[in-house]
Amino acid sequence: MDNKKRSAAAKAALLAAAIIWGSSFIVVKGTVDLLPPNMLLGVRFTIGFCVLALIFRKRLKQIDKGYLLSGALIGVFLFAAYCVQTYGIQTTTPGKNAFLTAIYCVIVPFLFWAVNKKRPDKYNFIAVFVCITGIGLVSLTGSFSIERGDALTLASGVMYACHIVAIAKLSGSRDPILLTILQFGTAAILAWILSLATETVSPAMFTPDAIKALLYLALGGTSTAVLLQNIGQKYTDPSSAGIIMSLESVFGVLFSVFFYGEQLTGRLVMGFVLIFLAVLISETKLSFLRGKPGAKTGNG
């Protein structure tokens, strides 16, 4: 396959991952009405772990103490992000959950500033201002307070940013697929522990609809999308990858409007537009307008 075709295939893989993740917001919203959050995550990450471990079983022999420690620590942040986000979606809409989670892209450069002493550039500061304005339009009520679901979703965005920084600091030259498998395993263990300790579960909860949703989230939103992301980002320039992956939040809103019935007001749309613009500014430095490659600070 020549470079042009490989690049096109890679971008298609990233777009497919963004669509899958965008659709997962409404699936999670429907599933938390059927299953407790940590039980949902326990099943989702267990299946994801088993599928990836089976597909890449020949690589597992490379795992050593360093892999285990790094994978476990990164997995703690991954679980925290998913857990808080899943609790948040219980009391907010899938569209708002999708866009408010996306703030991790804007936060990452500032966490790196704290960890690596590397000051964010002007685009990062502009992105923060634009993002905060968008968050205000999306989340603030008439009394200038934030609803519980929106607050939890914002907190999950912070945890996703911590997860990305942890990957950058701990992954080194290690195989990203193996680290992903270990992250899923850690997240699964933590989810099962919390579920058994705090949630009441019965076999009756696993209705046909619940099982279908779990399989979609585990096989689609977890295993397949992660593989597509890893493959796509390997053969795509950072600027293009940042733009394509940021479409996850846009697809989240579209799926929410068409399949969940979310109503969009002018204020909400403006807030979404500003948050999306902030993500683009932070991820690409607007390099696509100047015809130059950008620097991606998000996943991968």
Protein backbone atom coordinates (compact mmCIF):
# COMPACT_ATOMS: atom_id res chain seq x y z
CA MET A 1 0.00 0.00 0.00
CA ASP A 2 1.47 3.36 -1.01
CA ASN A 3 1.73 6.25 1.44
CA LYS A 4 -1.31 8.10 0.06
CA LYS A 5 -3.61 5.10 0.39
CA ARG A 6 -2.19 4.24 3.80
CA SER A 7 -2.78 7.80 5.02
CA ALA A 8 -6.37 7.72 3.75
CA ALA A 9 -6.98 4.36 5.44
CA ALA A 10 -5.47 5.66 8.69
CA LYS A 11 -7.73 8.72 8.67
CA ALA A 12 -10.72 6.49 7.96
CA ALA A 13 -9.75 4.38 10.99
CA LEU A 14 -9.60 7.47 13.21
CA LEU A 15 -12.96 8.68 11.90
CA ALA A 16 -14.49 5.27 12.59
CA ALA A 17 -13.13 5.39 16.15
CA ALA A 18 -14.59 8.88 16.64
CA ILE A 19 -17.99 7.70 15.38
CA ILE A 20 -17.95 4.65 17.64
CA TRP A 21 -17.00 6.69 20.69
CA GLY A 22 -19.58 9.34 19.79
CA SER A 23 -22.31 6.73 19.61
CA SER A 24 -21.24 5.18 22.92
CA PHE A 25 -22.56 8.17 24.90
CA ILE A 26 -26.20 7.36 24.16
CA VAL A 27 -25.54 3.65 24.71
CA VAL A 28 -24.06 4.35 28.15
CA LYS A 29 -26.96 6.70 28.94
CA GLY A 30 -29.44 3.93 28.22
CA THR A 31 -27.43 1.23 29.98
CA VAL A 32 -27.00 3.04 33.32
CA ASP A 33 -30.77 2.81 33.65
CA LEU A 34 -30.42 -0.99 33.51
CA LEU A 35 -27.14 -1.69 35.32
CA PRO A 36 -25.21 0.00 38.16
CA PRO A 37 -22.27 2.10 36.86
CA ASN A 38 -19.41 0.04 38.28
CA MET A 39 -20.98 -3.24 37.22
CA LEU A 40 -21.30 -1.82 33.72
CA LEU A 41 -17.64 -0.78 33.73
CA GLY A 42 -16.54 -4.09 35.23
CA VAL A 43 -18.13 -6.09 32.44
CA ARG A 44 -17.03 -3.61 29.77
CA PHE A 45 -13.36 -3.58 30.76
CA THR A 46 -13.23 -7.32 31.45
CA ILE A 47 -14.45 -8.13 27.95
CA GLY A 48 -12.14 -5.50 26.46
CA PHE A 49 -9.19 -6.93 28.39
CA CYS A 50 -9.94 -10.51 27.32
CA VAL A 51 -10.43 -9.61 23.65
CA LEU A 52 -7.19 -7.63 23.35
CA ALA A 53 -5.24 -10.19 25.40
CA LEU A 54 -6.46 -12.93 23.07
CA ILE A 55 -5.69 -11.02 19.88
CA PHE A 56 -2.22 -9.99 21.04
CA ARG A 57 -1.45 -13.04 23.19
CA LYS A 58 1.98 -13.51 21.55
CA ARG A 59 3.09 -10.13 22.90
CA LEU A 60 2.12 -10.90 26.51
CA LYS A 61 5.46 -12.59 27.18
CA GLN A 62 7.08 -9.15 26.98
CA ILE A 63 5.29 -8.01 30.14
CA ASP A 64 7.64 -7.45 33.07
CA LYS A 65 7.51 -5.59 36.39
CA GLY A 66 7.92 -2.22 34.66
CA TYR A 67 4.97 -2.93 32.39
CA LEU A 68 2.83 -4.06 35.31
CA LEU A 69 3.57 -0.99 37.44
CA SER A 70 3.10 1.49 34.60
CA GLY A 71 0.00 -0.21 33.26
CA ALA A 72 -1.58 -0.40 36.71
CA LEU A 73 -0.96 3.27 37.55
CA ILE A 74 -2.23 4.47 34.17
CA GLY A 75 -5.19 2.12 34.58
CA VAL A 76 -6.13 3.79 37.87
CA PHE A 77 -6.54 7.13 36.08
CA LEU A 78 -8.42 5.44 33.22
CA PHE A 79 -10.88 3.86 35.63
CA ALA A 80 -11.34 7.08 37.60
CA ALA A 81 -12.16 8.97 34.39
CA TYR A 82 -14.65 6.41 33.14
CA CYS A 83 -16.22 5.95 36.57
CA VAL A 84 -16.85 9.65 37.19
CA GLN A 85 -18.04 10.14 33.61
CA THR A 86 -20.50 7.25 33.90
CA TYR A 87 -21.94 8.62 37.14
CA GLY A 88 -22.16 12.02 35.49
CA ILE A 89 -24.16 10.83 32.49
CA GLN A 90 -26.88 9.58 34.83
CA THR A 91 -28.01 13.16 35.43
CA THR A 92 -27.03 14.97 32.24
CA THR A 93 -27.61 14.46 28.52
CA PRO A 94 -25.34 12.40 26.24
CA GLY A 95 -24.53 15.50 24.18
CA LYS A 96 -23.43 17.57 27.15
CA ASN A 97 -21.51 14.59 28.52
CA ALA A 98 -19.65 14.27 25.20
CA PHE A 99 -18.65 17.92 24.94
CA LEU A 100 -17.84 18.56 28.61
CA THR A 101 -15.61 15.48 28.68
CA ALA A 102 -13.69 16.87 25.69
CA ILE A 103 -12.18 19.60 27.88
CA TYR A 104 -9.36 17.18 28.67
CA CYS A 105 -7.71 18.33 25.44
CA VAL A 106 -7.48 21.86 26.81
CA ILE A 107 -6.32 20.79 30.28
CA VAL A 108 -3.47 18.48 29.23
CA PRO A 109 -0.91 21.23 28.36
CA PHE A 110 -1.36 22.79 31.80
CA LEU A 111 -0.87 19.47 33.58
CA PHE A 112 2.30 18.99 31.56
CA TRP A 113 3.33 22.46 32.75
CA ALA A 114 3.04 21.27 36.35
CA VAL A 115 4.86 18.01 35.66
CA ASN A 116 7.53 19.00 33.09
CA LYS A 117 7.82 22.75 33.79
CA LYS A 118 7.06 23.35 30.10
CA ARG A 119 4.94 26.47 29.81
CA PRO A 120 1.87 26.20 27.53
CA ASP A 121 1.94 28.36 24.42
CA LYS A 122 -0.41 31.21 23.51
CA TYR A 123 -2.79 28.84 21.75
CA ASN A 124 -3.28 26.87 24.96
CA PHE A 125 -4.18 30.02 26.90
CA ILE A 126 -6.58 31.15 24.16
CA ALA A 127 -8.15 27.66 24.17
CA VAL A 128 -8.74 27.85 27.94
CA PHE A 129 -10.54 31.18 27.64
CA VAL A 130 -12.71 29.94 24.78
CA CYS A 131 -13.39 26.64 26.55
CA ILE A 132 -14.43 28.28 29.84
CA THR A 133 -16.85 30.50 27.94
CA GLY A 134 -18.31 27.46 26.22
CA ILE A 135 -18.61 25.55 29.50
CA GLY A 136 -20.47 28.49 31.02
CA LEU A 137 -22.99 28.50 28.17
CA VAL A 138 -23.48 24.73 28.38
CA SER A 139 -23.52 24.20 32.14
CA LEU A 140 -24.39 27.31 34.15
CA THR A 141 -28.00 27.56 35.24
CA GLY A 142 -29.95 30.78 35.76
CA SER A 143 -28.65 30.88 39.33
CA PHE A 144 -25.04 30.49 38.09
CA SER A 145 -24.70 27.00 39.54
CA ILE A 146 -23.69 23.78 37.79
CA GLU A 147 -25.88 20.70 37.84
CA ARG A 148 -24.43 17.58 39.47
CA GLY A 149 -24.16 15.60 36.23
CA ASP A 150 -22.33 18.41 34.45
CA ALA A 151 -19.95 18.88 37.39
CA LEU A 152 -19.10 15.17 37.43
CA THR A 153 -18.56 15.20 33.68
CA LEU A 154 -16.16 18.14 33.99
CA ALA A 155 -14.32 16.24 36.72
CA SER A 156 -14.04 13.23 34.40
CA GLY A 157 -12.45 15.53 31.80
CA VAL A 158 -9.77 16.41 34.37
CA MET A 159 -9.20 12.71 35.06
CA TYR A 160 -8.87 11.96 31.34
CA ALA A 161 -6.22 14.68 31.17
CA CYS A 162 -4.38 13.05 34.10
CA HIS A 163 -4.61 9.73 32.24
CA ILE A 164 -2.97 11.22 29.15
CA VAL A 165 -0.17 12.80 31.17
CA ALA A 166 0.39 9.50 32.98
CA ILE A 167 0.73 7.74 29.62
CA ALA A 168 3.24 10.32 28.43
CA LYS A 169 5.33 10.02 31.62
CA LEU A 170 5.16 6.25 32.13
CA SER A 171 4.86 4.63 28.71
CA GLY A 172 8.37 5.39 27.45
CA SER A 173 9.27 2.96 24.66
CA ARG A 174 6.83 0.32 25.87
CA ASP A 175 4.30 -1.31 23.54
CA PRO A 176 1.08 0.79 23.68
CA ILE A 177 -1.08 -2.27 23.03
CA LEU A 178 0.34 -4.10 26.04
CA LEU A 179 -0.11 -1.00 28.20
CA THR A 180 -3.71 -0.76 26.99
CA ILE A 181 -4.35 -4.38 27.93
CA LEU A 182 -2.92 -3.80 31.42
CA GLN A 183 -4.95 -0.60 31.80
CA PHE A 184 -8.15 -2.46 30.93
CA GLY A 185 -7.26 -5.21 33.40
CA THR A 186 -6.62 -2.70 36.20
CA ALA A 187 -9.82 -0.80 35.45
CA ALA A 188 -11.80 -4.05 35.42
CA ILE A 189 -10.46 -5.10 38.83
CA LEU A 190 -11.21 -1.69 40.40
CA ALA A 191 -14.71 -1.64 38.90
CA TRP A 192 -15.53 -5.13 40.23
CA ILE A 193 -14.22 -4.25 43.69
CA LEU A 194 -16.37 -1.12 43.91
CA SER A 195 -19.37 -2.87 42.40
CA LEU A 196 -19.25 -5.76 44.87
CA ALA A 197 -18.73 -3.35 47.78
CA THR A 198 -21.35 -0.72 46.95
CA GLU A 199 -23.86 -2.00 44.40
CA THR A 200 -26.71 -4.48 44.45
CA VAL A 201 -26.70 -6.70 41.39
CA SER A 202 -29.08 -9.44 40.34
CA PRO A 203 -29.18 -11.71 37.26
CA ALA A 204 -32.49 -10.11 36.32
CA MET A 205 -30.63 -6.91 35.44
CA PHE A 206 -28.97 -8.61 32.49
CA THR A 207 -31.84 -8.23 30.08
CA PRO A 208 -31.32 -8.78 26.33
CA ASP A 209 -31.08 -4.98 25.87
CA ALA A 210 -28.48 -4.70 28.64
CA ILE A 211 -26.40 -7.53 27.17
CA LYS A 212 -26.49 -5.99 23.68
CA ALA A 213 -25.40 -2.63 25.07
CA LEU A 214 -22.57 -4.20 27.08
CA LEU A 215 -21.27 -6.09 24.05
CA TYR A 216 -21.37 -2.94 21.94
CA LEU A 217 -19.51 -0.90 24.55
CA ALA A 218 -16.93 -3.62 25.21
CA LEU A 219 -16.29 -4.85 21.68
CA GLY A 220 -16.97 -1.59 19.87
CA GLY A 221 -16.34 1.35 22.18
CA THR A 222 -13.46 -0.28 24.04
CA SER A 223 -11.61 -2.93 22.00
CA THR A 224 -12.27 -1.97 18.36
CA ALA A 225 -12.09 1.81 18.80
CA VAL A 226 -8.81 1.62 20.73
CA LEU A 227 -7.26 -0.56 18.01
CA LEU A 228 -8.48 1.81 15.30
CA GLN A 229 -7.03 4.77 17.22
CA ASN A 230 -3.63 3.10 17.65
CA ILE A 231 -3.47 2.13 13.97
CA GLY A 232 -4.80 5.46 12.71
CA GLN A 233 -2.52 7.71 14.74
CA LYS A 234 0.55 5.75 13.66
CA TYR A 235 0.08 6.80 10.03
CA THR A 236 -1.57 10.22 10.42
CA ASP A 237 0.07 13.57 11.11
CA PRO A 238 -0.76 14.95 14.59
CA SER A 239 -2.76 17.93 13.31
CA SER A 240 -5.09 15.82 11.17
CA ALA A 241 -5.41 13.21 13.91
CA GLY A 242 -6.35 15.90 16.44
CA ILE A 243 -9.09 17.28 14.21
CA ILE A 244 -10.55 13.87 13.38
CA MET A 245 -10.51 12.59 16.97
CA SER A 246 -12.10 15.79 18.28
CA LEU A 247 -15.14 14.95 16.13
CA GLU A 248 -16.06 12.41 18.81
CA SER A 249 -17.92 15.11 20.72
CA VAL A 250 -19.72 16.27 17.57
CA PHE A 251 -20.88 12.74 16.80
CA GLY A 252 -21.92 12.41 20.44
CA VAL A 253 -24.31 15.35 20.04
CA LEU A 254 -25.61 14.16 16.67
CA PHE A 255 -26.40 10.69 18.02
CA SER A 256 -27.99 12.25 21.09
CA VAL A 257 -30.24 14.50 19.00
CA PHE A 258 -31.34 11.83 16.54
CA PHE A 259 -31.62 8.79 18.83
CA TYR A 260 -32.04 10.20 22.35
CA GLY A 261 -34.18 13.20 21.47
CA GLU A 262 -31.92 15.81 23.07
CA GLN A 263 -33.21 19.32 22.47
CA LEU A 264 -30.65 21.90 21.39
CA THR A 265 -31.13 25.55 22.31
CA GLY A 266 -29.21 28.41 20.72
CA ARG A 267 -27.20 28.85 23.92
CA LEU A 268 -26.33 25.15 24.05
CA VAL A 269 -25.24 25.08 20.41
CA MET A 270 -23.05 28.15 20.92
CA GLY A 271 -21.47 26.51 23.97
CA PHE A 272 -20.76 23.32 21.99
CA VAL A 273 -19.24 25.33 19.14
CA LEU A 274 -16.93 27.20 21.53
CA ILE A 275 -15.78 24.02 23.30
CA PHE A 276 -15.12 22.36 19.94
CA LEU A 277 -13.20 25.43 18.79
CA ALA A 278 -11.16 25.35 21.99
CA VAL A 279 -10.28 21.71 21.38
CA LEU A 280 -9.19 22.49 17.82
CA ILE A 281 -7.04 25.41 18.97
CA SER A 282 -5.37 23.36 21.69
CA GLU A 283 -4.89 20.23 19.60
CA THR A 284 -3.74 21.75 16.31
CA LYS A 285 -2.57 25.32 17.08
CA LEU A 286 -4.70 26.15 14.03
CA SER A 287 -1.85 24.78 11.92
CA PHE A 288 -4.31 23.48 9.34
CA LEU A 289 -5.04 27.12 8.48
CA ARG A 290 -1.34 27.77 7.89
CA GLY A 291 -0.62 24.54 6.04
CA LYS A 292 1.84 23.37 8.68
CA PRO A 293 1.88 20.17 10.78
CA GLY A 294 0.59 20.66 14.30
CA ALA A 295 1.29 19.13 17.67
CA LYS A 296 -1.29 16.88 19.18
CA THR A 297 -1.60 16.76 22.95
CA GLY A 298 -4.49 14.33 23.26
CA ASN A 299 -4.69 10.51 23.32
CA GLY A 300 -1.76 8.59 21.90
